[in-house]
């Protein structure tokens, strides 16, 4: 067994199983609010694991270091369903499935490790991680530190009480009260909407901020706020798992131009290009969109993907 030490815990090679101190672990999703409220604490856990690729050697060029070791190290939140979740001791969800598909195409293994939020971008900048998954919003501020492989549009949806008794209309949010996670992209979107309300002389959009999405959802359930914003996959997952909330179909206008994806080191252009080329091949084969469609984010998929919002030449 080989290991490397990260700020989020020890990375262990465990032949497809996620381990803590040598033991297999399992984290069932649990109830709606409790499970989602654990997001912040779960991010700093020391779960880790390896997923072997069954793919043959790829013709796509990889950085020498990656090709030599035959693995890619992926930093992630391990409890962010439906994107990531530990099931039966293995990291599952939309993004692990997508990463494994890319790894198969490139002919390398995947090693997942959990990091606290504050350690994530530094781990890529310092090359302790090859990439981060989490469908991060590709913003100009973040591009000053890191590069992106953009995978989908960030078209936010509103989560409201079942039956929408408060008659929330995403196209007319002014005068409402919304709950969001502090520091999230959703918080930034709400600020944009609030600015528009003020500019148009309409009633103010009020926002309450909380430490995690679960608490934001609970604020809607308890009537403290009338809605909360979330990306389509997580919004649908939350509505499906619980009985109290539903997701409105109409997208939120201010979030329509944003894209999101995986984070790489700014100067790690070789690995970003290899990932994008592998994704292009998966798109041609129909495998990529199949995963996206099955996950409920097919309409948001960015096909073809881009490199920090720019098209990739020579694919």
Protein backbone atom coordinates (compact mmCIF):
# COMPACT_ATOMS: atom_id res chain seq x y z
CA UNK A 1 0.00 0.00 0.00
CA UNK A 2 1.33 3.42 -0.94
CA UNK A 3 0.29 6.69 0.66
CA UNK A 4 0.78 10.42 0.33
CA UNK A 5 -0.18 13.03 2.90
CA UNK A 6 -2.60 15.85 2.11
CA UNK A 7 -4.01 18.65 4.23
CA UNK A 8 -7.37 16.90 4.13
CA UNK A 9 -6.01 13.58 5.39
CA UNK A 10 -3.94 10.64 4.22
CA UNK A 11 -4.35 9.40 0.68
CA UNK A 12 -4.30 5.60 0.51
CA UNK A 13 -4.31 3.18 -2.36
CA UNK A 14 -7.18 0.91 -1.50
CA UNK A 15 -8.15 -0.92 -4.69
CA UNK A 16 -11.49 0.78 -5.31
CA UNK A 17 -12.58 1.16 -1.67
CA UNK A 18 -12.68 4.35 0.39
CA UNK A 19 -10.90 3.93 3.71
CA UNK A 20 -10.25 5.74 6.97
CA UNK A 21 -7.31 4.50 9.06
CA UNK A 22 -7.37 1.26 7.10
CA UNK A 23 -11.11 0.59 7.57
CA UNK A 24 -13.86 0.62 5.01
CA UNK A 25 -16.45 3.29 5.60
CA UNK A 26 -19.98 3.94 4.47
CA UNK A 27 -21.92 7.20 4.76
CA UNK A 28 -25.61 6.77 3.89
CA UNK A 29 -27.27 9.95 2.71
CA UNK A 30 -29.80 9.96 5.56
CA UNK A 31 -32.63 12.43 5.87
CA UNK A 32 -32.87 15.51 3.69
CA UNK A 33 -31.87 18.24 6.10
CA UNK A 34 -29.54 16.23 8.31
CA UNK A 35 -27.67 14.78 5.35
CA UNK A 36 -27.23 18.10 3.59
CA UNK A 37 -26.42 19.97 6.79
CA UNK A 38 -23.40 17.67 7.17
CA UNK A 39 -21.81 19.04 4.00
CA UNK A 40 -19.52 21.48 5.74
CA UNK A 41 -18.24 19.02 8.33
CA UNK A 42 -17.88 16.19 5.83
CA UNK A 43 -15.58 18.26 3.65
CA UNK A 44 -12.75 17.97 6.17
CA UNK A 45 -13.06 14.22 6.73
CA UNK A 46 -10.14 11.95 5.89
CA UNK A 47 -11.85 9.53 3.52
CA UNK A 48 -9.78 8.49 0.53
CA UNK A 49 -9.62 5.84 -2.13
CA UNK A 50 -8.48 4.52 -5.47
CA UNK A 51 -10.55 3.59 -8.47
CA UNK A 52 -8.81 1.42 -11.01
CA UNK A 53 -9.28 2.14 -14.70
CA UNK A 54 -9.98 -0.74 -17.04
CA UNK A 55 -9.07 1.31 -20.08
CA UNK A 56 -6.10 0.49 -22.27
CA UNK A 57 -3.21 2.83 -22.90
CA UNK A 58 -4.54 6.03 -24.46
CA UNK A 59 -3.22 7.85 -27.52
CA UNK A 60 -4.04 11.15 -25.81
CA UNK A 61 -0.86 12.78 -24.56
CA UNK A 62 -0.58 13.18 -20.79
CA UNK A 63 1.99 15.10 -18.71
CA UNK A 64 5.01 12.85 -18.15
CA UNK A 65 4.55 12.75 -14.38
CA UNK A 66 0.94 11.61 -14.65
CA UNK A 67 1.72 8.99 -17.28
CA UNK A 68 4.69 7.68 -15.27
CA UNK A 69 2.73 7.13 -12.06
CA UNK A 70 -0.41 5.99 -13.87
CA UNK A 71 -2.78 7.87 -11.57
CA UNK A 72 -4.59 11.16 -11.19
CA UNK A 73 -5.21 12.59 -7.71
CA UNK A 74 -8.65 14.13 -7.35
CA UNK A 75 -9.72 16.37 -4.47
CA UNK A 76 -13.42 16.39 -3.60
CA UNK A 77 -16.18 16.90 -1.08
CA UNK A 78 -17.30 13.39 -0.18
CA UNK A 79 -20.85 14.25 0.86
CA UNK A 80 -22.42 16.48 -1.77
CA UNK A 81 -25.21 14.37 -3.28
CA UNK A 82 -25.99 13.79 -6.05
CA UNK A 83 -22.54 14.92 -7.21
CA UNK A 84 -20.52 12.95 -4.63
CA UNK A 85 -21.55 10.47 -1.95
CA UNK A 86 -19.96 7.47 -0.24
CA UNK A 87 -21.99 4.32 -0.87
CA UNK A 88 -20.86 0.91 0.35
CA UNK A 89 -17.36 2.22 1.01
CA UNK A 90 -16.97 3.62 -2.52
CA UNK A 91 -17.19 7.22 -3.75
CA UNK A 92 -20.17 7.47 -6.08
CA UNK A 93 -22.24 10.20 -7.69
CA UNK A 94 -22.32 12.18 -10.92
CA UNK A 95 -18.77 13.49 -10.81
CA UNK A 96 -16.91 10.32 -9.74
CA UNK A 97 -18.69 8.54 -12.60
CA UNK A 98 -17.61 11.24 -15.05
CA UNK A 99 -14.01 11.26 -13.75
CA UNK A 100 -13.79 7.47 -13.96
CA UNK A 101 -15.02 7.60 -17.56
CA UNK A 102 -12.24 10.08 -18.41
CA UNK A 103 -9.66 7.98 -16.56
CA UNK A 104 -10.72 4.89 -18.51
CA UNK A 105 -10.27 6.83 -21.73
CA UNK A 106 -6.81 8.05 -20.65
CA UNK A 107 -5.74 4.64 -19.33
CA UNK A 108 -4.96 5.78 -15.78
CA UNK A 109 -6.30 5.23 -12.26
CA UNK A 110 -8.20 7.71 -10.09
CA UNK A 111 -7.34 8.36 -6.46
CA UNK A 112 -9.93 10.42 -4.59
CA UNK A 113 -9.21 12.30 -1.37
CA UNK A 114 -11.36 14.59 0.75
CA UNK A 115 -10.34 18.18 1.48
CA UNK A 116 -11.78 21.00 3.53
CA UNK A 117 -13.06 23.86 1.39
CA UNK A 118 -10.24 26.23 2.36
CA UNK A 119 -7.64 23.61 1.42
CA UNK A 120 -9.03 22.80 -2.02
CA UNK A 121 -7.66 25.51 -4.30
CA UNK A 122 -4.27 25.60 -2.50
CA UNK A 123 -3.99 21.83 -3.02
CA UNK A 124 -4.19 22.33 -6.80
CA UNK A 125 -1.98 25.42 -6.87
CA UNK A 126 0.67 23.50 -4.90
CA UNK A 127 0.18 20.39 -7.09
CA UNK A 128 -0.86 18.15 -4.21
CA UNK A 129 -4.01 17.46 -6.24
CA UNK A 130 -4.18 17.16 -10.01
CA UNK A 131 -7.72 18.48 -10.11
CA UNK A 132 -10.76 19.29 -7.97
CA UNK A 133 -14.30 18.11 -8.63
CA UNK A 134 -17.35 19.90 -7.26
CA UNK A 135 -18.77 21.74 -10.28
CA UNK A 136 -17.11 24.99 -9.27
CA UNK A 137 -18.37 28.23 -10.82
CA UNK A 138 -15.81 29.45 -13.37
CA UNK A 139 -15.40 33.09 -12.31
CA UNK A 140 -12.88 35.74 -13.31
CA UNK A 141 -11.72 35.96 -9.69
CA UNK A 142 -10.98 32.22 -9.52
CA UNK A 143 -9.23 32.26 -12.89
CA UNK A 144 -6.58 34.51 -11.33
CA UNK A 145 -5.50 31.45 -9.32
CA UNK A 146 -6.55 28.35 -11.25
CA UNK A 147 -7.74 27.00 -14.58
CA UNK A 148 -10.99 25.23 -15.44
CA UNK A 149 -12.41 22.51 -17.61
CA UNK A 150 -15.96 23.84 -18.02
CA UNK A 151 -18.60 21.11 -18.16
CA UNK A 152 -22.03 22.67 -17.73
CA UNK A 153 -24.07 25.83 -17.58
CA UNK A 154 -24.95 27.08 -14.12
CA UNK A 155 -28.67 27.72 -14.55
CA UNK A 156 -29.96 28.00 -10.98
CA UNK A 157 -33.42 26.83 -9.93
CA UNK A 158 -35.57 27.93 -7.00
CA UNK A 159 -36.52 25.48 -4.24
CA UNK A 160 -39.82 26.34 -2.55
CA UNK A 161 -42.30 24.70 -0.20
CA UNK A 162 -44.25 21.84 -1.76
CA UNK A 163 -47.12 23.26 -3.78
CA UNK A 164 -45.48 26.70 -3.84
CA UNK A 165 -48.00 28.20 -1.35
CA UNK A 166 -46.10 31.52 -1.30
CA UNK A 167 -46.49 31.78 -5.11
CA UNK A 168 -42.78 32.34 -5.72
CA UNK A 169 -42.02 33.36 -9.32
CA UNK A 170 -38.30 33.20 -10.28
CA UNK A 171 -38.89 35.90 -12.88
CA UNK A 172 -40.29 38.26 -10.22
CA UNK A 173 -38.21 37.71 -7.03
CA UNK A 174 -38.17 41.30 -5.75
CA UNK A 175 -39.79 41.75 -2.35
CA UNK A 176 -39.11 38.15 -1.33
CA UNK A 177 -36.79 36.66 1.31
CA UNK A 178 -34.21 34.06 0.24
CA UNK A 179 -31.78 31.83 2.15
CA UNK A 180 -28.31 30.95 0.83
CA UNK A 181 -24.96 29.54 1.98
CA UNK A 182 -22.43 32.22 2.87
CA UNK A 183 -19.68 32.47 0.24
CA UNK A 184 -21.55 30.40 -2.35
CA UNK A 185 -22.15 31.27 -5.98
CA UNK A 186 -25.85 31.34 -5.16
CA UNK A 187 -25.18 34.18 -2.72
CA UNK A 188 -23.49 36.11 -5.54
CA UNK A 189 -26.47 35.48 -7.83
CA UNK A 190 -28.89 36.76 -5.17
CA UNK A 191 -26.79 39.91 -4.81
CA UNK A 192 -27.06 40.46 -8.57
CA UNK A 193 -30.83 40.02 -8.40
CA UNK A 194 -31.06 42.37 -5.41
CA UNK A 195 -29.08 45.01 -7.31
CA UNK A 196 -31.49 44.71 -10.23
CA UNK A 197 -34.49 45.10 -7.92
CA UNK A 198 -32.96 48.28 -6.47
CA UNK A 199 -32.09 49.66 -9.90
CA UNK A 200 -35.64 49.09 -11.12
CA UNK A 201 -37.11 50.71 -8.00
CA UNK A 202 -38.83 47.51 -6.90
CA UNK A 203 -39.19 46.13 -3.34
CA UNK A 204 -35.92 44.86 -1.90
CA UNK A 205 -34.92 41.22 -2.14
CA UNK A 206 -33.83 40.19 1.36
CA UNK A 207 -31.26 37.47 1.96
CA UNK A 208 -30.44 35.39 5.04
CA UNK A 209 -27.10 33.54 4.90
CA UNK A 210 -26.27 30.24 6.58
CA UNK A 211 -23.17 28.04 6.88
CA UNK A 212 -24.42 25.20 4.65
CA UNK A 213 -27.14 24.30 2.10
CA UNK A 214 -29.04 22.10 4.56
CA UNK A 215 -29.70 25.03 6.87
CA UNK A 216 -30.78 27.14 3.91
CA UNK A 217 -33.29 24.45 2.95
CA UNK A 218 -34.51 24.25 6.54
CA UNK A 219 -35.14 28.02 6.55
CA UNK A 220 -37.56 27.54 3.65
CA UNK A 221 -39.25 24.60 5.36
CA UNK A 222 -39.67 26.59 8.59
CA UNK A 223 -41.03 29.64 6.78
CA UNK A 224 -38.13 31.98 7.58
CA UNK A 225 -37.52 32.40 3.87
CA UNK A 226 -39.63 31.79 0.79
CA UNK A 227 -37.08 30.14 -1.49
CA UNK A 228 -33.45 29.18 -1.94
CA UNK A 229 -31.42 28.81 -5.13
CA UNK A 230 -29.53 25.69 -6.14
CA UNK A 231 -28.14 24.09 -9.28
CA UNK A 232 -30.63 21.83 -11.10
CA UNK A 233 -29.16 18.46 -10.09
CA UNK A 234 -28.95 19.19 -6.37
CA UNK A 235 -32.33 20.96 -6.43
CA UNK A 236 -34.03 17.94 -8.02
CA UNK A 237 -32.21 15.51 -5.74
CA UNK A 238 -33.31 17.48 -2.66
CA UNK A 239 -36.92 17.65 -3.81
CA UNK A 240 -36.97 13.93 -4.66
CA UNK A 241 -35.49 12.86 -1.32
CA UNK A 242 -37.79 14.97 0.86
CA UNK A 243 -41.48 15.69 1.13
CA UNK A 244 -41.34 19.37 2.06
CA UNK A 245 -39.78 21.05 -0.99
CA UNK A 246 -40.19 21.22 -4.74
CA UNK A 247 -38.08 22.72 -7.50
CA UNK A 248 -39.52 25.27 -9.93
CA UNK A 249 -38.84 24.62 -13.61
CA UNK A 250 -38.03 28.18 -14.68
CA UNK A 251 -34.28 29.01 -14.56
CA UNK A 252 -33.01 32.09 -12.73
CA UNK A 253 -32.09 34.80 -15.22
CA UNK A 254 -28.94 36.17 -13.61
CA UNK A 255 -27.25 32.74 -13.45
CA UNK A 256 -27.72 31.86 -17.12
CA UNK A 257 -24.33 33.04 -18.39
CA UNK A 258 -22.22 31.25 -15.79
CA UNK A 259 -20.41 27.99 -16.51
CA UNK A 260 -18.96 25.56 -14.01
CA UNK A 261 -16.63 22.60 -13.97
CA UNK A 262 -13.41 21.12 -12.60
CA UNK A 263 -10.40 23.03 -11.31
CA UNK A 264 -6.77 22.49 -12.38
CA UNK A 265 -3.53 24.39 -11.80
CA UNK A 266 -3.28 27.40 -14.12
CA UNK A 267 -0.08 26.14 -15.74
CA UNK A 268 -1.25 22.51 -15.95
CA UNK A 269 -2.45 23.00 -19.51
CA UNK A 270 -1.32 19.53 -20.57
CA UNK A 271 -3.66 17.74 -18.17
CA UNK A 272 -6.56 20.11 -18.88
CA UNK A 273 -6.16 19.56 -22.62
CA UNK A 274 -5.95 15.78 -22.14
CA UNK A 275 -9.16 15.81 -20.11
CA UNK A 276 -10.99 17.87 -22.71
CA UNK A 277 -9.83 15.60 -25.54
CA UNK A 278 -10.95 12.52 -23.60
CA UNK A 279 -14.33 14.15 -22.95
CA UNK A 280 -14.67 14.93 -26.67
CA UNK A 281 -14.13 11.24 -27.44
CA UNK A 282 -16.70 10.24 -24.81
CA UNK A 283 -19.17 12.72 -26.32
CA UNK A 284 -18.65 11.22 -29.79
CA UNK A 285 -19.27 7.75 -28.36
CA UNK A 286 -22.46 8.96 -26.64
CA UNK A 287 -21.22 7.91 -23.18
CA UNK A 288 -20.77 11.41 -21.75
CA UNK A 289 -24.24 12.70 -22.54
CA UNK A 290 -25.74 9.41 -21.35
CA UNK A 291 -24.25 9.99 -17.89
CA UNK A 292 -25.38 13.62 -17.94
CA UNK A 293 -28.92 12.71 -18.99
CA UNK A 294 -29.22 9.94 -16.43
CA UNK A 295 -28.07 12.37 -13.74
CA UNK A 296 -30.71 14.95 -14.67
CA UNK A 297 -28.29 17.60 -15.92
CA UNK A 298 -28.32 16.76 -19.62
CA UNK A 299 -29.92 20.08 -20.56
CA UNK A 300 -27.16 21.95 -18.73
CA UNK A 301 -24.25 19.99 -20.28
CA UNK A 302 -21.66 22.11 -22.06
CA UNK A 303 -20.86 20.18 -25.23
CA UNK A 304 -18.10 20.68 -26.18
CA UNK A 305 -16.36 21.55 -22.89
CA UNK A 306 -14.10 24.58 -22.75
CA UNK A 307 -10.78 25.50 -21.14
CA UNK A 308 -11.42 28.38 -18.71
CA UNK A 309 -14.32 29.52 -20.96
CA UNK A 310 -12.14 29.30 -24.12
CA UNK A 311 -12.58 26.68 -26.89
CA UNK A 312 -9.75 24.17 -27.19
CA UNK A 313 -7.90 24.20 -30.51
CA UNK A 314 -6.78 21.13 -32.37
CA UNK A 315 -9.05 18.65 -30.67
